[in-house]
Amino acid sequence: MKNNTKFKTADICDIYSDNLIIMHQQFNSYGKIDSFCGQISTIKCFNDNSKVREAVNSDGCNKVLVVDGNASTDCALLGDILAEAAFKNNWSGIIINGCIRDSDVISGIGIGVFALSTIPVKSVKKDIGDTNIEISFMNTKFIPGEYIYADLDGVIISKKELDLK
């Protein structure tokens, strides 16, 4: 599926509901794009965005970065510089179980960004965290290689890429 394909999670649920994980999410949309999808890539970290920086500076073509920050509101795991790097490296979107900062700038960057909240405090950088492992939050498992579809109505996961033509 191409990043610019238009879809609605409600329509996907109508067609594929038996084969989906439907997340009861509590995210706010901060990026310029509020509908995005792609193959899941994961990071688990706590108040340290070093692994997020590594990821967004790598090729993210047709991928969505899912970051489990343990719902921490102590600091931001994404700011405008990293969001811009993600955009330049073709990431479809970023979902953060935690906070972002620079929300005013991020709102103008052509990428999807979902997070719990904002906070102006930057994270520490100690290169601590795990990448491309199964993570779980909000009673939902995120498995690298599966597919995620997100819009303002919700976040859904499929074991395989869906045909949305």
Protein backbone atom coordinates (compact mmCIF):
# COMPACT_ATOMS: atom_id res chain seq x y z
CA MET A 1 0.00 0.00 0.00
CA LYS A 2 1.29 3.45 -0.86
CA ASN A 3 1.56 6.00 1.94
CA ASN A 4 -0.70 8.45 0.14
CA THR A 5 -3.59 5.99 -0.32
CA LYS A 6 -6.70 7.40 1.30
CA PHE A 7 -8.51 5.14 3.75
CA LYS A 8 -10.76 5.29 6.77
CA THR A 9 -10.34 2.89 9.65
CA ALA A 10 -14.15 2.70 9.90
CA ASP A 11 -14.33 1.37 6.32
CA ILE A 12 -11.48 -1.07 6.97
CA CYS A 13 -13.34 -2.38 10.03
CA ASP A 14 -16.52 -2.84 7.97
CA ILE A 15 -14.66 -5.02 5.46
CA TYR A 16 -12.01 -6.82 7.52
CA SER A 17 -13.19 -6.68 11.15
CA ASP A 18 -12.82 -10.42 11.78
CA ASN A 19 -9.11 -10.26 10.95
CA LEU A 20 -8.14 -7.09 12.84
CA ILE A 21 -6.97 -5.99 16.24
CA ILE A 22 -8.89 -2.82 17.03
CA MET A 23 -7.15 -0.67 19.59
CA HIS A 24 -9.00 1.34 22.20
CA GLN A 25 -6.62 4.24 21.77
CA GLN A 26 -6.32 7.55 23.58
CA PHE A 27 -3.93 9.39 21.25
CA ASN A 28 -4.00 12.93 20.00
CA SER A 29 -2.99 13.72 16.43
CA TYR A 30 -0.12 16.21 16.12
CA GLY A 31 1.31 15.79 12.61
CA LYS A 32 0.09 17.40 9.41
CA ILE A 33 -1.15 13.98 8.23
CA ASP A 34 -3.92 12.44 10.33
CA SER A 35 -4.33 9.20 8.38
CA PHE A 36 -1.34 6.90 7.90
CA CYS A 37 -0.43 3.26 7.61
CA GLY A 38 2.46 0.90 7.11
CA GLN A 39 4.49 -1.97 8.42
CA ILE A 40 5.15 -1.81 12.16
CA SER A 41 8.63 -1.03 13.47
CA THR A 42 8.93 -0.85 17.28
CA ILE A 43 10.95 0.79 20.03
CA LYS A 44 10.64 0.31 23.78
CA CYS A 45 12.32 3.04 25.82
CA PHE A 46 11.80 5.08 28.96
CA ASN A 47 12.59 8.81 29.00
CA ASP A 48 15.42 8.25 26.47
CA ASN A 49 14.82 8.95 22.78
CA SER A 50 18.22 7.74 21.49
CA LYS A 51 16.65 4.76 19.68
CA VAL A 52 13.94 7.02 18.24
CA ARG A 53 16.67 9.24 16.77
CA GLU A 54 18.36 6.18 15.21
CA ALA A 55 15.11 4.93 13.74
CA VAL A 56 13.90 8.19 12.16
CA ASN A 57 17.32 8.66 10.56
CA SER A 58 16.95 5.31 8.78
CA ASP A 59 14.79 4.38 5.77
CA GLY A 60 11.18 4.28 6.89
CA CYS A 61 9.53 3.71 3.52
CA ASN A 62 5.99 2.37 4.10
CA LYS A 63 6.63 1.93 7.82
CA VAL A 64 5.07 3.26 11.01
CA LEU A 65 7.27 3.67 14.09
CA VAL A 66 5.49 2.58 17.28
CA VAL A 67 7.26 3.76 20.43
CA ASP A 68 6.38 2.45 23.86
CA GLY A 69 7.54 5.12 26.27
CA ASN A 70 5.60 3.52 29.12
CA ALA A 71 3.06 6.39 28.95
CA SER A 72 5.61 8.62 30.66
CA THR A 73 4.81 12.32 30.88
CA ASP A 74 8.25 13.20 32.28
CA CYS A 75 9.75 14.21 28.92
CA ALA A 76 9.20 14.20 25.16
CA LEU A 77 10.37 11.31 23.01
CA LEU A 78 9.88 13.24 19.74
CA GLY A 79 10.46 16.86 18.77
CA ASP A 80 10.46 18.84 15.55
CA ILE A 81 13.99 17.84 14.48
CA LEU A 82 13.26 14.12 14.77
CA ALA A 83 9.82 14.50 13.14
CA GLU A 84 11.46 16.30 10.21
CA ALA A 85 14.07 13.52 9.94
CA ALA A 86 11.26 10.93 9.88
CA PHE A 87 9.51 12.86 7.12
CA LYS A 88 12.71 13.14 5.05
CA ASN A 89 13.35 9.40 5.49
CA ASN A 90 9.85 8.48 4.26
CA TRP A 91 8.29 7.21 7.48
CA SER A 92 4.49 7.09 7.14
CA GLY A 93 3.86 7.92 10.76
CA ILE A 94 4.90 7.69 14.40
CA ILE A 95 2.77 6.55 17.33
CA ILE A 96 4.15 7.34 20.78
CA ASN A 97 2.88 5.94 24.04
CA GLY A 98 4.27 9.04 25.71
CA CYS A 99 4.80 12.71 24.92
CA ILE A 100 6.13 14.93 22.14
CA ARG A 101 7.30 18.54 22.11
CA ASP A 102 7.43 21.28 19.44
CA SER A 103 3.83 20.43 18.55
CA ASP A 104 3.32 23.73 16.71
CA VAL A 105 6.15 22.92 14.29
CA ILE A 106 5.24 19.22 14.01
CA SER A 107 1.72 20.21 12.94
CA GLY A 108 3.25 21.57 9.73
CA ILE A 109 5.40 18.51 8.91
CA GLY A 110 3.90 16.09 6.37
CA ILE A 111 3.89 13.03 8.62
CA GLY A 112 1.41 11.38 10.94
CA VAL A 113 2.24 11.76 14.63
CA PHE A 114 0.04 10.35 17.38
CA ALA A 115 1.01 10.75 21.03
CA LEU A 116 -0.63 10.94 24.43
CA SER A 117 0.29 14.54 25.18
CA THR A 118 2.93 17.25 24.94
CA ILE A 119 5.62 18.48 27.31
CA PRO A 120 8.47 20.91 26.61
CA VAL A 121 11.13 18.84 28.43
CA LYS A 122 13.65 16.92 26.28
CA SER A 123 14.63 13.35 27.02
CA VAL A 124 17.97 12.03 28.22
CA LYS A 125 20.27 10.40 25.67
CA LYS A 126 21.92 7.31 27.14
CA ASP A 127 21.30 4.97 24.17
CA ILE A 128 18.99 2.82 26.26
CA GLY A 129 16.06 0.99 24.70
CA ASP A 130 15.08 -1.97 22.57
CA THR A 131 14.20 -1.99 18.88
CA ASN A 132 12.07 -4.25 16.72
CA ILE A 133 10.74 -6.34 19.58
CA GLU A 134 7.13 -7.16 20.39
CA ILE A 135 5.72 -4.43 22.61
CA SER A 136 2.39 -4.06 24.31
CA PHE A 137 0.41 -1.12 25.66
CA MET A 138 -3.26 -0.16 25.95
CA ASN A 139 -4.08 -3.88 25.88
CA THR A 140 -2.66 -4.16 22.35
CA LYS A 141 0.36 -6.06 21.02
CA PHE A 142 2.52 -4.43 18.35
CA ILE A 143 4.57 -6.98 16.43
CA PRO A 144 7.25 -5.82 14.00
CA GLY A 145 6.32 -6.72 10.43
CA GLU A 146 2.56 -6.58 10.97
CA TYR A 147 0.59 -3.65 9.53
CA ILE A 148 -0.98 -0.70 11.28
CA TYR A 149 -3.67 1.67 10.01
CA ALA A 150 -4.34 4.86 11.96
CA ASP A 151 -6.65 7.84 11.58
CA LEU A 152 -8.64 10.14 13.84
CA ASP A 153 -11.20 7.38 14.48
CA GLY A 154 -8.74 4.78 15.69
CA VAL A 155 -5.77 2.50 15.31
CA ILE A 156 -6.10 -1.00 13.88
CA ILE A 157 -3.58 -3.77 13.30
CA SER A 158 -3.55 -6.53 10.71
CA LYS A 159 -1.18 -9.49 10.48
CA LYS A 160 -0.93 -8.84 6.73
CA GLU A 161 -1.17 -5.85 4.43
CA LEU A 162 -4.77 -5.09 3.44
CA ASP A 163 -5.96 -4.48 -0.11
CA LEU A 164 -7.66 -1.10 0.11
CA LYS A 165 -8.15 -0.34 -3.59
